[in-house]
Amino acid sequence: MRRTLLLLPIAASLLLTACGEEKLSCGDSGGSTMCPGDDCLSCHAFKAAGTVFAAASSSTAVGSATVTLVDKDGVTVTRTTNSAGNFYTSSALAYPLQRVTIDKGADLVEMLDVPSGHCNDCHASGDRIHLP
């Protein structure tokens, strides 16, 4: 039993280290612009996070887009994408979300009945969110 208790902190440390290596492997030092398109919630404790891309055939990120999340209780959270196209929130959200909108200028994308805040996990490389 004592041996098991000693191994728990070591195992936890290894898991955190592996996560840190994964985050840094995308070529960023770990700031808010890190790893566009990766599943942010796989390492971070945000309630929702993702990346917005410019066109269906590119991986160009869209900065300064407005992301609005409306949870099942009607609570609204609005965030703006950064220069890497990333957005995230630690605000409490009740799932499924009623609606998510992403807009910039005249371009608008809307999703209804969103089951999770793992935006980049559901929208992996073949199913990205793109502004027209």
Protein backbone atom coordinates (compact mmCIF):
# COMPACT_ATOMS: atom_id res chain seq x y z
CA MET A 1 0.00 0.00 0.00
CA ARG A 2 2.80 2.40 0.90
CA ARG A 3 4.53 1.72 -2.44
CA THR A 4 1.30 2.58 -4.30
CA LEU A 5 1.01 5.90 -2.46
CA LEU A 6 4.58 6.76 -3.42
CA LEU A 7 3.95 5.98 -7.08
CA LEU A 8 0.87 8.21 -7.39
CA PRO A 9 2.78 11.53 -7.33
CA ILE A 10 5.33 10.15 -9.78
CA ALA A 11 2.60 9.00 -12.18
CA ALA A 12 0.84 12.36 -11.93
CA SER A 13 4.10 14.17 -12.61
CA LEU A 14 4.75 12.05 -15.70
CA LEU A 15 1.28 12.75 -17.04
CA LEU A 16 1.73 16.49 -16.58
CA THR A 17 5.17 16.38 -18.14
CA ALA A 18 3.83 14.49 -21.15
CA CYS A 19 1.10 17.09 -21.56
CA GLY A 20 3.64 19.90 -21.35
CA GLU A 21 5.79 18.26 -24.01
CA GLU A 22 2.78 17.88 -26.27
CA LYS A 23 1.87 21.55 -25.89
CA LEU A 24 5.39 22.72 -26.66
CA SER A 25 5.81 20.34 -29.60
CA CYS A 26 3.58 22.54 -31.75
CA GLY A 27 6.28 25.20 -31.88
CA ASP A 28 5.05 27.72 -29.32
CA SER A 29 6.38 28.59 -25.89
CA GLY A 30 3.06 27.97 -24.15
CA GLY A 31 1.18 31.26 -24.38
CA SER A 32 -2.40 31.88 -25.48
CA THR A 33 -1.41 31.54 -29.15
CA MET A 34 -0.07 28.02 -28.74
CA CYS A 35 -1.08 25.03 -30.86
CA PRO A 36 -3.91 26.35 -33.06
CA GLY A 37 -6.22 23.48 -33.93
CA ASP A 38 -5.13 21.18 -31.09
CA ASP A 39 -7.63 20.05 -28.43
CA CYS A 40 -7.03 22.75 -25.80
CA LEU A 41 -9.04 20.94 -23.13
CA SER A 42 -6.83 17.87 -23.32
CA CYS A 43 -4.33 19.83 -21.18
CA HIS A 44 -6.13 22.95 -19.96
CA ALA A 45 -9.04 23.23 -17.52
CA PHE A 46 -11.07 25.64 -19.65
CA LYS A 47 -14.83 25.12 -19.99
CA ALA A 48 -14.67 25.70 -23.77
CA ALA A 49 -11.85 26.42 -26.20
CA GLY A 50 -11.06 26.19 -29.89
CA THR A 51 -9.58 27.78 -33.00
CA VAL A 52 -11.24 29.58 -35.93
CA PHE A 53 -9.72 29.22 -39.39
CA ALA A 54 -9.99 31.44 -42.47
CA ALA A 55 -11.01 29.18 -45.36
CA ALA A 56 -12.03 25.57 -45.87
CA SER A 57 -8.85 24.76 -47.78
CA SER A 58 -6.33 26.51 -45.52
CA SER A 59 -5.03 26.44 -41.98
CA THR A 60 -4.84 30.23 -41.72
CA ALA A 61 -6.18 31.38 -38.36
CA VAL A 62 -8.72 34.18 -37.95
CA GLY A 63 -7.94 36.75 -35.26
CA SER A 64 -10.47 39.21 -33.84
CA ALA A 65 -13.51 37.02 -34.58
CA THR A 66 -16.30 37.08 -32.00
CA VAL A 67 -17.27 33.71 -30.51
CA THR A 68 -20.57 33.70 -28.60
CA LEU A 69 -21.57 30.67 -26.52
CA VAL A 70 -25.11 30.35 -25.15
CA ASP A 71 -25.51 27.50 -22.68
CA LYS A 72 -28.64 25.43 -22.01
CA ASP A 73 -29.68 27.84 -19.23
CA GLY A 74 -29.37 30.89 -21.47
CA VAL A 75 -26.06 32.09 -19.99
CA THR A 76 -24.07 33.91 -22.69
CA VAL A 77 -20.27 34.06 -22.84
CA THR A 78 -18.52 36.06 -25.55
CA ARG A 79 -14.82 35.82 -26.42
CA THR A 80 -12.61 37.23 -29.18
CA THR A 81 -10.11 35.05 -31.03
CA ASN A 82 -6.46 36.02 -30.68
CA SER A 83 -3.86 36.26 -33.45
CA ALA A 84 -3.63 32.45 -33.62
CA GLY A 85 -7.42 32.15 -33.99
CA ASN A 86 -7.68 30.69 -30.48
CA PHE A 87 -10.42 31.42 -27.97
CA TYR A 88 -11.08 29.98 -24.52
CA THR A 89 -13.15 30.52 -21.43
CA SER A 90 -13.13 29.39 -17.82
CA SER A 91 -16.69 30.68 -17.33
CA ALA A 92 -19.13 28.05 -16.09
CA LEU A 93 -21.27 26.65 -18.92
CA ALA A 94 -24.14 24.14 -18.79
CA TYR A 95 -24.09 21.68 -21.68
CA PRO A 96 -25.33 21.12 -24.26
CA LEU A 97 -24.91 24.67 -25.49
CA GLN A 98 -28.03 26.03 -27.18
CA ARG A 99 -26.03 27.96 -29.74
CA VAL A 100 -22.50 28.93 -30.73
CA THR A 101 -21.91 31.73 -33.21
CA ILE A 102 -18.65 32.88 -34.71
CA ASP A 103 -18.63 36.12 -36.64
CA LYS A 104 -16.29 38.68 -38.07
CA GLY A 105 -17.64 41.47 -40.21
CA ALA A 106 -20.25 40.03 -42.58
CA ASP A 107 -19.08 36.42 -42.07
CA LEU A 108 -21.10 34.28 -39.67
CA VAL A 109 -21.09 30.60 -38.70
CA GLU A 110 -23.68 29.15 -36.29
CA MET A 111 -23.96 25.78 -34.56
CA LEU A 112 -26.91 24.54 -32.52
CA ASP A 113 -27.07 21.93 -29.73
CA VAL A 114 -23.32 21.76 -29.08
CA PRO A 115 -22.53 18.83 -26.74
CA SER A 116 -19.06 19.82 -25.51
CA GLY A 117 -16.52 22.62 -25.10
CA HIS A 118 -13.79 20.52 -26.74
CA CYS A 119 -14.18 22.47 -30.00
CA ASN A 120 -10.90 21.37 -31.62
CA ASP A 121 -11.47 17.76 -30.59
CA CYS A 122 -14.79 17.54 -32.46
CA HIS A 123 -13.52 19.78 -35.25
CA ALA A 124 -10.29 17.95 -36.02
CA SER A 125 -8.24 18.72 -39.11
CA GLY A 126 -10.85 17.38 -41.55
CA ASP A 127 -13.78 19.20 -39.96
CA ARG A 128 -12.49 22.63 -38.95
CA ILE A 129 -14.68 25.68 -38.35
CA HIS A 130 -14.03 28.18 -41.14
CA LEU A 131 -15.37 31.63 -41.71
CA PRO A 132 -16.42 31.99 -45.36
